[in-house]
Amino acid sequence: MKPEIIEKRPMNVVQVKDALKKIKKRDEELNFRSNRTEEYVNAVAKLKSKEAKELVKKLEDLGIPRLKPEYIHKIIDTMPTSEKHLKVVLQGYTLSVSGENQKKIFAVVKGYL
């Protein structure tokens, strides 16, 4: 049986953790790769599911131009602890965010640290 890709969308580690929980409940066990992934997300995920959803919504609601979902999820994965750290995270992409918008993003993220 070959799996079929239904949709492609970015996910943060909290969403991956939730998806693995559903798969584990459905299948009663995980394969080797899924177990390794579960170990990783349990160690790395810093937010609860509800908090991550709220943060995604708040960051989307800022209406910052060119801030794609994959950038938002990367911000949630790394949870930058300063504006400088946020700038480093965003430098990994071909994206220019003004200093004012970076301050807005960090102000929202700071509420979840």
C-alpha atoms as a PDB file:
ATOM      1  CA  MET A   1       0.000   0.000   0.000  1.00  0.00           C
ATOM      2  CA  LYS A   2       1.418   3.345  -1.043  1.00  0.00           C
ATOM      3  CA  PRO A   3       0.341   6.345   1.055  1.00  0.00           C
ATOM      4  CA  GLU A   4      -1.220   9.223  -0.806  1.00  0.00           C
ATOM      5  CA  ILE A   5      -0.367  12.845   0.008  1.00  0.00           C
ATOM      6  CA  ILE A   6      -3.619  14.678   0.565  1.00  0.00           C
ATOM      7  CA  GLU A   7      -2.235  18.078   1.508  1.00  0.00           C
ATOM      8  CA  LYS A   8       1.057  19.728   2.342  1.00  0.00           C
ATOM      9  CA  ARG A   9       1.155  22.327   5.087  1.00  0.00           C
ATOM     10  CA  PRO A  10       3.752  23.417   7.618  1.00  0.00           C
ATOM     11  CA  MET A  11       3.483  22.173  11.188  1.00  0.00           C
ATOM     12  CA  ASN A  12       5.249  23.168  14.362  1.00  0.00           C
ATOM     13  CA  VAL A  13       6.600  20.606  16.824  1.00  0.00           C
ATOM     14  CA  VAL A  14       3.531  20.922  19.049  1.00  0.00           C
ATOM     15  CA  GLN A  15       1.281  19.949  16.131  1.00  0.00           C
ATOM     16  CA  VAL A  16       3.591  17.046  15.269  1.00  0.00           C
ATOM     17  CA  LYS A  17       3.375  15.892  18.893  1.00  0.00           C
ATOM     18  CA  ASP A  18      -0.454  15.988  18.734  1.00  0.00           C
ATOM     19  CA  ALA A  19      -0.482  14.130  15.406  1.00  0.00           C
ATOM     20  CA  LEU A  20       1.769  11.400  16.812  1.00  0.00           C
ATOM     21  CA  LYS A  21      -0.543  11.012  19.828  1.00  0.00           C
ATOM     22  CA  LYS A  22      -3.499  10.459  17.465  1.00  0.00           C
ATOM     23  CA  ILE A  23      -1.556   7.937  15.389  1.00  0.00           C
ATOM     24  CA  LYS A  24      -0.390   6.102  18.515  1.00  0.00           C
ATOM     25  CA  LYS A  25      -3.953   5.940  19.817  1.00  0.00           C
ATOM     26  CA  ARG A  26      -5.265   4.725  16.453  1.00  0.00           C
ATOM     27  CA  ASP A  27      -2.529   2.148  15.742  1.00  0.00           C
ATOM     28  CA  GLU A  28      -1.718   1.312  19.388  1.00  0.00           C
ATOM     29  CA  GLU A  29       1.997   1.640  18.633  1.00  0.00           C
ATOM     30  CA  LEU A  30       4.475   3.642  16.584  1.00  0.00           C
ATOM     31  CA  ASN A  31       7.169   2.437  14.205  1.00  0.00           C
ATOM     32  CA  PHE A  32      10.858   3.093  14.854  1.00  0.00           C
ATOM     33  CA  ARG A  33      10.989   6.456  13.069  1.00  0.00           C
ATOM     34  CA  SER A  34       7.810   7.659  14.740  1.00  0.00           C
ATOM     35  CA  ASN A  35       9.143   6.648  18.154  1.00  0.00           C
ATOM     36  CA  ARG A  36      12.337   8.626  17.552  1.00  0.00           C
ATOM     37  CA  THR A  37      10.298  11.600  16.384  1.00  0.00           C
ATOM     38  CA  GLU A  38       8.082  11.332  19.464  1.00  0.00           C
ATOM     39  CA  GLU A  39      11.147  11.364  21.740  1.00  0.00           C
ATOM     40  CA  TYR A  40      12.421  14.474  19.975  1.00  0.00           C
ATOM     41  CA  VAL A  41       9.165  16.450  20.068  1.00  0.00           C
ATOM     42  CA  ASN A  42       8.614  15.556  23.729  1.00  0.00           C
ATOM     43  CA  ALA A  43      12.045  16.986  24.515  1.00  0.00           C
ATOM     44  CA  VAL A  44      11.726  20.082  22.315  1.00  0.00           C
ATOM     45  CA  ALA A  45       8.064  21.186  22.448  1.00  0.00           C
ATOM     46  CA  LYS A  46       7.850  24.161  24.793  1.00  0.00           C
ATOM     47  CA  LEU A  47       4.140  24.968  24.525  1.00  0.00           C
ATOM     48  CA  LYS A  48       0.888  23.158  25.094  1.00  0.00           C
ATOM     49  CA  SER A  49      -1.354  22.522  22.097  1.00  0.00           C
ATOM     50  CA  LYS A  50      -3.836  25.250  23.031  1.00  0.00           C
ATOM     51  CA  GLU A  51      -1.059  27.815  23.551  1.00  0.00           C
ATOM     52  CA  ALA A  52       0.521  26.983  20.188  1.00  0.00           C
ATOM     53  CA  LYS A  53      -2.815  27.433  18.388  1.00  0.00           C
ATOM     54  CA  GLU A  54      -3.358  30.775  20.126  1.00  0.00           C
ATOM     55  CA  LEU A  55       0.151  31.922  19.207  1.00  0.00           C
ATOM     56  CA  VAL A  56      -0.290  30.946  15.543  1.00  0.00           C
ATOM     57  CA  LYS A  57      -3.555  32.910  15.439  1.00  0.00           C
ATOM     58  CA  LYS A  58      -2.046  35.973  17.123  1.00  0.00           C
ATOM     59  CA  LEU A  59       0.965  35.999  14.789  1.00  0.00           C
ATOM     60  CA  GLU A  60      -1.297  35.641  11.734  1.00  0.00           C
ATOM     61  CA  ASP A  61      -3.520  38.451  13.035  1.00  0.00           C
ATOM     62  CA  LEU A  62      -0.552  40.841  13.091  1.00  0.00           C
ATOM     63  CA  GLY A  63      -0.927  41.023   9.303  1.00  0.00           C
ATOM     64  CA  ILE A  64       2.796  41.303   8.646  1.00  0.00           C
ATOM     65  CA  PRO A  65       3.501  41.271   4.910  1.00  0.00           C
ATOM     66  CA  ARG A  66       5.239  38.169   3.518  1.00  0.00           C
ATOM     67  CA  LEU A  67       5.148  36.365   6.902  1.00  0.00           C
ATOM     68  CA  LYS A  68       4.206  32.916   5.607  1.00  0.00           C
ATOM     69  CA  PRO A  69       2.854  30.058   7.756  1.00  0.00           C
ATOM     70  CA  GLU A  70       6.188  28.222   7.596  1.00  0.00           C
ATOM     71  CA  TYR A  71       7.928  31.246   9.158  1.00  0.00           C
ATOM     72  CA  ILE A  72       5.295  31.440  11.893  1.00  0.00           C
ATOM     73  CA  HIS A  73       5.750  27.754  12.722  1.00  0.00           C
ATOM     74  CA  LYS A  74       9.549  28.147  12.806  1.00  0.00           C
ATOM     75  CA  ILE A  75       9.130  31.035  15.262  1.00  0.00           C
ATOM     76  CA  ILE A  76       6.971  28.776  17.448  1.00  0.00           C
ATOM     77  CA  ASP A  77       9.484  25.915  17.194  1.00  0.00           C
ATOM     78  CA  THR A  78      12.382  28.108  18.317  1.00  0.00           C
ATOM     79  CA  MET A  79      10.494  30.449  20.706  1.00  0.00           C
ATOM     80  CA  PRO A  80      13.072  33.246  20.438  1.00  0.00           C
ATOM     81  CA  THR A  81      13.967  34.798  23.790  1.00  0.00           C
ATOM     82  CA  SER A  82      14.995  38.203  22.412  1.00  0.00           C
ATOM     83  CA  GLU A  83      14.490  40.385  19.353  1.00  0.00           C
ATOM     84  CA  LYS A  84      18.061  39.553  18.346  1.00  0.00           C
ATOM     85  CA  HIS A  85      17.280  35.817  18.486  1.00  0.00           C
ATOM     86  CA  LEU A  86      14.119  36.409  16.421  1.00  0.00           C
ATOM     87  CA  LYS A  87      16.185  38.249  13.811  1.00  0.00           C
ATOM     88  CA  VAL A  88      18.586  35.285  13.600  1.00  0.00           C
ATOM     89  CA  VAL A  89      15.656  32.860  13.144  1.00  0.00           C
ATOM     90  CA  LEU A  90      14.178  34.971  10.327  1.00  0.00           C
ATOM     91  CA  GLN A  91      17.560  35.409   8.592  1.00  0.00           C
ATOM     92  CA  GLY A  92      17.336  31.765   7.534  1.00  0.00           C
ATOM     93  CA  TYR A  93      14.667  32.771   5.017  1.00  0.00           C
ATOM     94  CA  THR A  94      14.536  35.149   2.071  1.00  0.00           C
ATOM     95  CA  LEU A  95      12.382  37.502   4.077  1.00  0.00           C
ATOM     96  CA  SER A  96      12.881  41.059   5.193  1.00  0.00           C
ATOM     97  CA  VAL A  97      10.902  42.114   8.234  1.00  0.00           C
ATOM     98  CA  SER A  98      11.141  45.677   9.448  1.00  0.00           C
ATOM     99  CA  GLY A  99      12.430  46.364  12.933  1.00  0.00           C
ATOM    100  CA  GLU A 100       8.980  47.597  13.920  1.00  0.00           C
ATOM    101  CA  ASN A 101       7.349  44.344  12.778  1.00  0.00           C
ATOM    102  CA  GLN A 102      10.033  42.307  14.542  1.00  0.00           C
ATOM    103  CA  LYS A 103       9.148  44.147  17.750  1.00  0.00           C
ATOM    104  CA  LYS A 104       5.459  43.297  17.214  1.00  0.00           C
ATOM    105  CA  ILE A 105       6.276  39.620  16.635  1.00  0.00           C
ATOM    106  CA  PHE A 106       8.525  39.436  19.687  1.00  0.00           C
ATOM    107  CA  ALA A 107       5.952  41.195  21.876  1.00  0.00           C
ATOM    108  CA  VAL A 108       3.446  38.446  21.017  1.00  0.00           C
ATOM    109  CA  VAL A 109       5.965  35.619  21.499  1.00  0.00           C
ATOM    110  CA  LYS A 110       7.207  37.124  24.777  1.00  0.00           C
ATOM    111  CA  GLY A 111       3.763  36.558  26.302  1.00  0.00           C
ATOM    112  CA  TYR A 112       4.271  32.787  25.901  1.00  0.00           C
ATOM    113  CA  LEU A 113       7.834  32.487  27.232  1.00  0.00           C
END
